[in-house]
Amino acid sequence: MFNLEDRVSITKKRKRIGRGGSRGGTSGKGTKGQKARSGAPSFIGFEGGQMPIHRRLPKRGFNNTQFQKEVFIITLATLEKHFEAGSTVDRDVLIEKGILKKRDVLLKVLKNGTLTKRLVVTVDACSSTALQIITSCGGAVHLTKGA
């Protein structure tokens, strides 16, 4: 009990630059210059002061990411698994069950899997085959004007 020794891997000192004989001085950064200084490195695309390539070349194409709508897909298999026959499916119920995380997305039902239960579904969009299967089971689909 009184002759226990520390494990080497726990007490081993970290290798630090800038301290001691072989790792002192410039610490492997060379002499002077922007890259030898402390602080953050220069930004991505920096070319030493000349105009970077991403600013020399013209813009091309069209980008609509600012206005694109995020769509959450609900499959028939998901409806079959999480809901009992005769229940109502809408945004609030999906959030309550933990299926939907965000409130401000569009909901769309797609046919992936099978459905045997009668459900009343309120969504923003629905594929024609999913609509056909839900109505053939005796359910209904109410489309909101979000899509």
N, C-alpha and C. Protein backbone atom coordinates (compact mmCIF):
# COMPACT_ATOMS: atom_id res chain seq x y z
N MET A 1 0.81 -1.20 0.00
CA MET A 1 0.00 0.00 0.00
C MET A 1 0.86 1.27 0.00
N PHE A 2 2.00 1.22 0.78
CA PHE A 2 2.80 2.42 0.90
C PHE A 2 3.93 2.49 -0.12
N ASN A 3 4.04 1.49 -1.00
CA ASN A 3 5.08 1.55 -2.02
C ASN A 3 4.48 1.64 -3.43
N LEU A 4 3.28 2.21 -3.55
CA LEU A 4 2.65 2.38 -4.86
C LEU A 4 3.35 3.49 -5.63
N GLU A 5 3.45 3.31 -6.94
CA GLU A 5 4.07 4.33 -7.78
C GLU A 5 3.02 4.87 -8.76
N ASP A 6 3.20 6.12 -9.14
CA ASP A 6 2.30 6.72 -10.12
C ASP A 6 2.49 6.06 -11.48
N ARG A 7 1.37 5.98 -12.22
CA ARG A 7 1.48 5.48 -13.59
C ARG A 7 2.15 6.56 -14.44
N VAL A 8 3.07 6.13 -15.31
CA VAL A 8 3.85 7.08 -16.09
C VAL A 8 2.95 7.89 -17.03
N SER A 9 1.92 7.23 -17.60
CA SER A 9 1.08 7.90 -18.58
C SER A 9 0.27 9.04 -17.96
N ILE A 10 0.00 8.98 -16.67
CA ILE A 10 -0.78 10.03 -16.01
C ILE A 10 0.10 11.23 -15.67
N THR A 11 1.30 10.97 -15.20
CA THR A 11 2.14 12.06 -14.70
C THR A 11 3.09 12.61 -15.76
N LYS A 12 2.99 12.15 -16.99
CA LYS A 12 3.91 12.58 -18.03
C LYS A 12 3.65 14.05 -18.37
N LYS A 13 4.72 14.85 -18.46
CA LYS A 13 4.57 16.27 -18.76
C LYS A 13 4.32 16.45 -20.24
N ARG A 14 3.44 17.42 -20.56
CA ARG A 14 3.12 17.70 -21.96
C ARG A 14 4.30 18.37 -22.64
N LYS A 15 4.44 18.11 -23.93
CA LYS A 15 5.48 18.76 -24.71
C LYS A 15 5.00 20.16 -25.07
N ARG A 16 5.69 21.19 -24.60
CA ARG A 16 5.26 22.57 -24.85
C ARG A 16 6.31 23.27 -25.68
N ILE A 17 5.87 24.03 -26.65
CA ILE A 17 6.84 24.76 -27.46
C ILE A 17 7.17 26.09 -26.79
N GLY A 18 8.35 26.61 -27.08
CA GLY A 18 8.76 27.88 -26.51
C GLY A 18 9.40 27.75 -25.16
N ARG A 19 9.68 26.52 -24.71
CA ARG A 19 10.29 26.32 -23.39
C ARG A 19 11.45 25.33 -23.51
N GLY A 20 12.57 25.66 -22.93
CA GLY A 20 13.68 24.73 -22.91
C GLY A 20 14.64 24.95 -24.08
N GLY A 21 15.70 24.11 -24.08
CA GLY A 21 16.77 24.29 -25.04
C GLY A 21 16.38 23.98 -26.47
N SER A 22 15.91 22.76 -26.72
CA SER A 22 15.70 22.36 -28.12
C SER A 22 14.39 22.91 -28.70
N ARG A 23 13.43 23.28 -27.84
CA ARG A 23 12.16 23.77 -28.36
C ARG A 23 11.92 25.24 -28.04
N GLY A 24 12.96 25.96 -27.71
CA GLY A 24 12.80 27.36 -27.34
C GLY A 24 12.89 28.28 -28.55
N GLY A 25 13.19 29.53 -28.29
CA GLY A 25 13.41 30.48 -29.37
C GLY A 25 12.16 30.75 -30.19
N THR A 26 12.24 30.44 -31.46
CA THR A 26 11.13 30.77 -32.36
C THR A 26 10.05 29.69 -32.37
N SER A 27 10.28 28.61 -31.68
CA SER A 27 9.29 27.54 -31.53
C SER A 27 8.84 26.93 -32.85
N GLY A 28 9.73 26.87 -33.80
CA GLY A 28 9.39 26.23 -35.08
C GLY A 28 8.60 27.12 -36.02
N LYS A 29 8.48 28.43 -35.68
CA LYS A 29 7.70 29.32 -36.53
C LYS A 29 8.60 30.15 -37.46
N GLY A 30 9.90 29.93 -37.45
CA GLY A 30 10.77 30.75 -38.29
C GLY A 30 11.03 32.10 -37.64
N THR A 31 11.47 33.06 -38.45
CA THR A 31 11.78 34.37 -37.88
C THR A 31 10.81 35.42 -38.39
N LYS A 32 10.21 36.13 -37.51
CA LYS A 32 9.33 37.27 -37.79
C LYS A 32 8.23 36.95 -38.82
N GLY A 33 7.56 37.95 -39.27
CA GLY A 33 6.51 37.78 -40.27
C GLY A 33 5.14 37.53 -39.64
N GLN A 34 4.12 37.62 -40.47
CA GLN A 34 2.74 37.51 -39.97
C GLN A 34 2.45 36.14 -39.36
N LYS A 35 3.01 35.08 -39.95
CA LYS A 35 2.72 33.73 -39.46
C LYS A 35 3.46 33.40 -38.16
N ALA A 36 4.44 34.22 -37.79
CA ALA A 36 5.17 33.98 -36.55
C ALA A 36 4.49 34.63 -35.36
N ARG A 37 3.57 35.54 -35.63
CA ARG A 37 2.94 36.30 -34.55
C ARG A 37 1.86 35.47 -33.85
N SER A 38 1.49 35.88 -32.65
CA SER A 38 0.41 35.21 -31.95
C SER A 38 -0.92 35.69 -32.50
N GLY A 39 -1.96 34.94 -32.21
CA GLY A 39 -3.29 35.32 -32.69
C GLY A 39 -3.72 34.44 -33.85
N ALA A 40 -4.87 34.78 -34.40
CA ALA A 40 -5.46 33.96 -35.45
C ALA A 40 -4.67 34.08 -36.75
N PRO A 41 -4.61 33.01 -37.55
CA PRO A 41 -3.95 33.08 -38.84
C PRO A 41 -4.77 33.92 -39.82
N SER A 42 -4.19 34.26 -40.97
CA SER A 42 -4.91 35.04 -41.97
C SER A 42 -6.09 34.24 -42.51
N PHE A 43 -7.08 34.93 -43.05
CA PHE A 43 -8.32 34.27 -43.46
C PHE A 43 -8.14 33.35 -44.66
N ILE A 44 -9.08 32.46 -44.87
CA ILE A 44 -9.04 31.51 -45.98
C ILE A 44 -9.17 32.29 -47.28
N GLY A 45 -8.30 32.03 -48.21
CA GLY A 45 -8.33 32.73 -49.49
C GLY A 45 -7.37 33.90 -49.54
N PHE A 46 -6.67 34.19 -48.43
CA PHE A 46 -5.72 35.29 -48.42
C PHE A 46 -4.51 34.93 -49.26
N GLU A 47 -4.12 35.83 -50.16
CA GLU A 47 -3.02 35.55 -51.08
C GLU A 47 -1.89 36.55 -50.93
N GLY A 48 -1.60 36.95 -49.70
CA GLY A 48 -0.44 37.80 -49.45
C GLY A 48 -0.64 39.24 -49.85
N GLY A 49 -1.84 39.68 -50.02
CA GLY A 49 -2.08 41.08 -50.35
C GLY A 49 -2.59 41.29 -51.77
N GLN A 50 -2.27 40.35 -52.68
CA GLN A 50 -2.83 40.50 -54.03
C GLN A 50 -4.31 40.15 -54.01
N MET A 51 -5.04 40.61 -55.01
CA MET A 51 -6.48 40.40 -55.05
C MET A 51 -6.75 38.89 -55.16
N PRO A 52 -7.49 38.30 -54.22
CA PRO A 52 -7.70 36.85 -54.23
C PRO A 52 -8.52 36.38 -55.43
N ILE A 53 -8.36 35.11 -55.76
CA ILE A 53 -8.99 34.54 -56.96
C ILE A 53 -10.51 34.62 -56.88
N HIS A 54 -11.06 34.49 -55.67
CA HIS A 54 -12.52 34.53 -55.58
C HIS A 54 -13.07 35.95 -55.76
N ARG A 55 -12.21 36.95 -55.74
CA ARG A 55 -12.65 38.31 -56.03
C ARG A 55 -12.24 38.75 -57.43
N ARG A 56 -11.26 38.06 -58.03
CA ARG A 56 -10.85 38.39 -59.40
C ARG A 56 -11.83 37.84 -60.43
N LEU A 57 -12.41 36.67 -60.13
CA LEU A 57 -13.33 36.04 -61.09
C LEU A 57 -14.74 36.59 -60.90
N PRO A 58 -15.52 36.67 -62.00
CA PRO A 58 -16.87 37.22 -61.89
C PRO A 58 -17.83 36.24 -61.23
N LYS A 59 -18.92 36.80 -60.68
CA LYS A 59 -19.98 35.95 -60.14
C LYS A 59 -20.68 35.27 -61.29
N ARG A 60 -21.18 34.05 -61.04
CA ARG A 60 -21.92 33.34 -62.08
C ARG A 60 -23.10 32.62 -61.46
N GLY A 61 -24.18 32.51 -62.22
CA GLY A 61 -25.31 31.71 -61.78
C GLY A 61 -26.24 32.46 -60.84
N PHE A 62 -27.14 31.69 -60.28
CA PHE A 62 -28.20 32.24 -59.44
C PHE A 62 -28.26 31.45 -58.16
N ASN A 63 -28.46 32.13 -57.05
CA ASN A 63 -28.50 31.46 -55.76
C ASN A 63 -29.76 31.92 -55.02
N ASN A 64 -30.60 30.97 -54.65
CA ASN A 64 -31.87 31.32 -54.01
C ASN A 64 -31.95 30.77 -52.59
N THR A 65 -30.82 30.48 -51.96
CA THR A 65 -30.84 29.84 -50.64
C THR A 65 -31.49 30.71 -49.58
N GLN A 66 -31.46 32.02 -49.77
CA GLN A 66 -32.06 32.92 -48.78
C GLN A 66 -33.58 32.75 -48.72
N PHE A 67 -34.19 32.39 -49.86
CA PHE A 67 -35.64 32.34 -49.94
C PHE A 67 -36.20 30.93 -50.05
N GLN A 68 -35.34 29.91 -50.09
CA GLN A 68 -35.86 28.56 -50.26
C GLN A 68 -36.61 28.12 -49.01
N LYS A 69 -37.63 27.29 -49.22
CA LYS A 69 -38.47 26.84 -48.13
C LYS A 69 -38.01 25.47 -47.67
N GLU A 70 -37.93 25.29 -46.38
CA GLU A 70 -37.53 24.00 -45.81
C GLU A 70 -38.76 23.12 -45.69
N VAL A 71 -38.66 21.90 -46.22
CA VAL A 71 -39.79 20.97 -46.24
C VAL A 71 -39.45 19.76 -45.38
N PHE A 72 -40.36 19.40 -44.48
CA PHE A 72 -40.19 18.22 -43.65
C PHE A 72 -41.05 17.11 -44.24
N ILE A 73 -40.43 15.97 -44.53
CA ILE A 73 -41.11 14.85 -45.17
C ILE A 73 -41.67 13.91 -44.11
N ILE A 74 -42.95 13.57 -44.25
CA ILE A 74 -43.59 12.57 -43.41
C ILE A 74 -43.99 11.42 -44.32
N THR A 75 -43.55 10.22 -44.00
CA THR A 75 -43.90 9.07 -44.83
C THR A 75 -45.10 8.34 -44.25
N LEU A 76 -45.72 7.52 -45.09
CA LEU A 76 -46.85 6.72 -44.62
C LEU A 76 -46.39 5.73 -43.55
N ALA A 77 -45.15 5.26 -43.66
CA ALA A 77 -44.61 4.34 -42.65
C ALA A 77 -44.52 5.03 -41.28
N THR A 78 -44.16 6.31 -41.27
CA THR A 78 -44.11 7.08 -40.02
C THR A 78 -45.50 7.23 -39.42
N LEU A 79 -46.48 7.53 -40.28
CA LEU A 79 -47.86 7.67 -39.80
C LEU A 79 -48.37 6.35 -39.23
N GLU A 80 -48.04 5.25 -39.91
CA GLU A 80 -48.47 3.91 -39.47
C GLU A 80 -47.87 3.57 -38.11
N LYS A 81 -46.61 3.94 -37.91
CA LYS A 81 -45.88 3.56 -36.70
C LYS A 81 -46.31 4.38 -35.48
N HIS A 82 -46.54 5.68 -35.66
CA HIS A 82 -46.71 6.57 -34.51
C HIS A 82 -48.15 6.93 -34.16
N PHE A 83 -49.11 6.59 -35.01
CA PHE A 83 -50.48 7.03 -34.76
C PHE A 83 -51.45 5.86 -34.76
N GLU A 84 -52.47 5.96 -33.89
CA GLU A 84 -53.53 4.94 -33.84
C GLU A 84 -54.63 5.30 -34.82
N ALA A 85 -55.45 4.32 -35.15
CA ALA A 85 -56.54 4.54 -36.10
C ALA A 85 -57.52 5.57 -35.55
N GLY A 86 -57.96 6.47 -36.43
CA GLY A 86 -58.93 7.48 -36.05
C GLY A 86 -58.33 8.75 -35.47
N SER A 87 -57.02 8.81 -35.33
CA SER A 87 -56.41 10.00 -34.74
C SER A 87 -56.18 11.09 -35.79
N THR A 88 -55.97 12.30 -35.30
CA THR A 88 -55.72 13.45 -36.16
C THR A 88 -54.23 13.77 -36.15
N VAL A 89 -53.69 14.04 -37.34
CA VAL A 89 -52.27 14.34 -37.47
C VAL A 89 -52.14 15.78 -37.96
N ASP A 90 -51.50 16.63 -37.17
CA ASP A 90 -51.19 17.99 -37.60
C ASP A 90 -49.85 18.41 -36.99
N ARG A 91 -49.50 19.65 -37.24
CA ARG A 91 -48.19 20.16 -36.81
C ARG A 91 -48.00 20.04 -35.29
N ASP A 92 -49.01 20.41 -34.52
CA ASP A 92 -48.89 20.39 -33.06
C ASP A 92 -48.69 18.97 -32.52
N VAL A 93 -49.42 18.01 -33.10
CA VAL A 93 -49.31 16.62 -32.65
C VAL A 93 -47.94 16.05 -33.00
N LEU A 94 -47.43 16.40 -34.18
CA LEU A 94 -46.11 15.92 -34.60
C LEU A 94 -45.01 16.47 -33.68
N ILE A 95 -45.13 17.72 -33.27
CA ILE A 95 -44.15 18.31 -32.35
C ILE A 95 -44.27 17.66 -30.98
N GLU A 96 -45.49 17.43 -30.54
CA GLU A 96 -45.74 16.81 -29.24
C GLU A 96 -45.14 15.40 -29.16
N LYS A 97 -45.23 14.65 -30.26
CA LYS A 97 -44.69 13.28 -30.29
C LYS A 97 -43.18 13.25 -30.55
N GLY A 98 -42.57 14.41 -30.84
CA GLY A 98 -41.13 14.48 -31.07
C GLY A 98 -40.71 14.11 -32.47
N ILE A 99 -41.67 13.99 -33.39
CA ILE A 99 -41.33 13.67 -34.78
C ILE A 99 -40.83 14.92 -35.49
N LEU A 100 -41.49 16.05 -35.25
CA LEU A 100 -41.13 17.32 -35.87
C LEU A 100 -40.44 18.19 -34.82
N LYS A 101 -39.29 18.77 -35.19
CA LYS A 101 -38.53 19.59 -34.25
C LYS A 101 -38.82 21.08 -34.43
N LYS A 102 -38.95 21.54 -35.68
CA LYS A 102 -39.16 22.96 -35.95
C LYS A 102 -40.61 23.21 -36.33
N ARG A 103 -41.13 24.35 -35.92
CA ARG A 103 -42.51 24.69 -36.24
C ARG A 103 -42.64 25.37 -37.60
N ASP A 104 -41.61 26.08 -38.04
CA ASP A 104 -41.72 26.91 -39.24
C ASP A 104 -41.25 26.21 -40.52
N VAL A 105 -41.52 24.93 -40.65
CA VAL A 105 -41.20 24.20 -41.88
C VAL A 105 -42.50 23.75 -42.54
N LEU A 106 -42.42 23.48 -43.85
CA LEU A 106 -43.57 22.96 -44.56
C LEU A 106 -43.65 21.45 -44.35
N LEU A 107 -44.84 20.92 -44.21
CA LEU A 107 -45.04 19.48 -44.02
C LEU A 107 -45.53 18.88 -45.31
N LYS A 108 -44.92 17.77 -45.72
CA LYS A 108 -45.35 17.08 -46.93
C LYS A 108 -45.40 15.58 -46.65
N VAL A 109 -46.49 14.95 -47.07
CA VAL A 109 -46.65 13.50 -46.89
C VAL A 109 -46.26 12.83 -48.20
N LEU A 110 -45.39 11.82 -48.11
CA LEU A 110 -44.98 11.04 -49.28
C LEU A 110 -45.30 9.57 -49.04
N LYS A 111 -45.51 8.84 -50.15
CA LYS A 111 -45.82 7.42 -50.06
C LYS A 111 -44.50 6.66 -49.93
N ASN A 112 -44.20 6.26 -48.74
CA ASN A 112 -43.05 5.38 -48.50
C ASN A 112 -43.50 4.45 -47.39
N GLY A 113 -43.80 3.22 -47.74
CA GLY A 113 -44.38 2.29 -46.78
C GLY A 113 -45.87 2.14 -47.04
N THR A 114 -46.56 1.51 -46.12
CA THR A 114 -47.99 1.27 -46.28
C THR A 114 -48.76 1.87 -45.11
N LEU A 115 -50.06 2.07 -45.34
CA LEU A 115 -50.93 2.62 -44.30
C LEU A 115 -52.20 1.79 -44.26
N THR A 116 -52.58 1.34 -43.07
CA THR A 116 -53.79 0.53 -42.91
C THR A 116 -54.79 1.19 -41.97
N LYS A 117 -54.43 2.35 -41.41
CA LYS A 117 -55.28 3.01 -40.42
C LYS A 117 -55.99 4.21 -41.03
N ARG A 118 -57.16 4.54 -40.46
CA ARG A 118 -57.90 5.72 -40.90
C ARG A 118 -57.37 6.92 -40.11
N LEU A 119 -56.79 7.90 -40.83
CA LEU A 119 -56.21 9.08 -40.20
C LEU A 119 -56.73 10.34 -40.87
N VAL A 120 -56.84 11.40 -40.10
CA VAL A 120 -57.15 12.72 -40.65
C VAL A 120 -55.87 13.54 -40.56
N VAL A 121 -55.32 13.89 -41.73
CA VAL A 121 -54.00 14.51 -41.80
C VAL A 121 -54.15 15.96 -42.28
N THR A 122 -53.53 16.89 -41.56
CA THR A 122 -53.50 18.30 -41.96
C THR A 122 -52.05 18.69 -42.22
N VAL A 123 -51.73 18.89 -43.51
CA VAL A 123 -50.36 19.18 -43.92
C VAL A 123 -50.37 20.28 -44.98
N ASP A 124 -49.16 20.72 -45.39
CA ASP A 124 -49.03 21.75 -46.42
C ASP A 124 -49.06 21.15 -47.81
N ALA A 125 -48.56 19.93 -47.99
CA ALA A 125 -48.53 19.29 -49.30
C ALA A 125 -48.60 17.78 -49.13
N CYS A 126 -49.05 17.11 -50.19
CA CYS A 126 -49.19 15.65 -50.15
C CYS A 126 -49.04 15.11 -51.56
N SER A 127 -48.28 14.04 -51.73
CA SER A 127 -48.15 13.44 -53.06
C SER A 127 -49.46 12.76 -53.44
N SER A 128 -49.68 12.60 -54.74
CA SER A 128 -50.95 12.05 -55.22
C SER A 128 -51.15 10.61 -54.76
N THR A 129 -50.07 9.81 -54.74
CA THR A 129 -50.20 8.42 -54.32
C THR A 129 -50.47 8.32 -52.82
N ALA A 130 -49.82 9.18 -52.03
CA ALA A 130 -50.07 9.18 -50.58
C ALA A 130 -51.50 9.62 -50.29
N LEU A 131 -52.00 10.61 -51.03
CA LEU A 131 -53.38 11.07 -50.88
C LEU A 131 -54.37 9.96 -51.21
N GLN A 132 -54.07 9.23 -52.27
CA GLN A 132 -54.93 8.12 -52.69
C GLN A 132 -54.98 7.02 -51.62
N ILE A 133 -53.85 6.68 -51.04
CA ILE A 133 -53.79 5.62 -50.03
C ILE A 133 -54.51 6.05 -48.75
N ILE A 134 -54.29 7.30 -48.32
CA ILE A 134 -54.94 7.78 -47.09
C ILE A 134 -56.46 7.80 -47.25
N THR A 135 -56.94 8.26 -48.40
CA THR A 135 -58.39 8.31 -48.63
C THR A 135 -58.98 6.92 -48.81
N SER A 136 -58.21 6.00 -49.39
CA SER A 136 -58.71 4.63 -49.56
C SER A 136 -58.85 3.90 -48.22
N CYS A 137 -58.09 4.34 -47.21
CA CYS A 137 -58.20 3.76 -45.86
C CYS A 137 -59.34 4.40 -45.07
N GLY A 138 -60.03 5.35 -45.68
CA GLY A 138 -61.14 6.01 -44.99
C GLY A 138 -60.74 7.29 -44.30
N GLY A 139 -59.50 7.72 -44.49
CA GLY A 139 -59.02 8.94 -43.87
C GLY A 139 -59.24 10.15 -44.75
N ALA A 140 -58.69 11.27 -44.33
CA ALA A 140 -58.83 12.51 -45.10
C ALA A 140 -57.55 13.32 -44.99
N VAL A 141 -57.29 14.11 -46.05
CA VAL A 141 -56.12 14.99 -46.06
C VAL A 141 -56.62 16.42 -46.24
N HIS A 142 -56.27 17.29 -45.31
CA HIS A 142 -56.60 18.71 -45.39
C HIS A 142 -55.32 19.46 -45.70
N LEU A 143 -55.30 20.16 -46.85
CA LEU A 143 -54.12 20.91 -47.24
C LEU A 143 -54.25 22.36 -46.77
N THR A 144 -53.21 22.84 -46.08
CA THR A 144 -53.18 24.24 -45.67
C THR A 144 -52.58 25.06 -46.80
N LYS A 145 -52.66 26.37 -46.70
CA LYS A 145 -52.14 27.21 -47.79
C LYS A 145 -50.68 27.60 -47.58
N GLY A 146 -49.91 26.76 -46.87
CA GLY A 146 -48.51 27.07 -46.61
C GLY A 146 -47.60 26.74 -47.78
N ALA A 147 -48.00 25.81 -48.65
CA ALA A 147 -47.12 25.37 -49.73
C ALA A 147 -47.14 26.32 -50.90
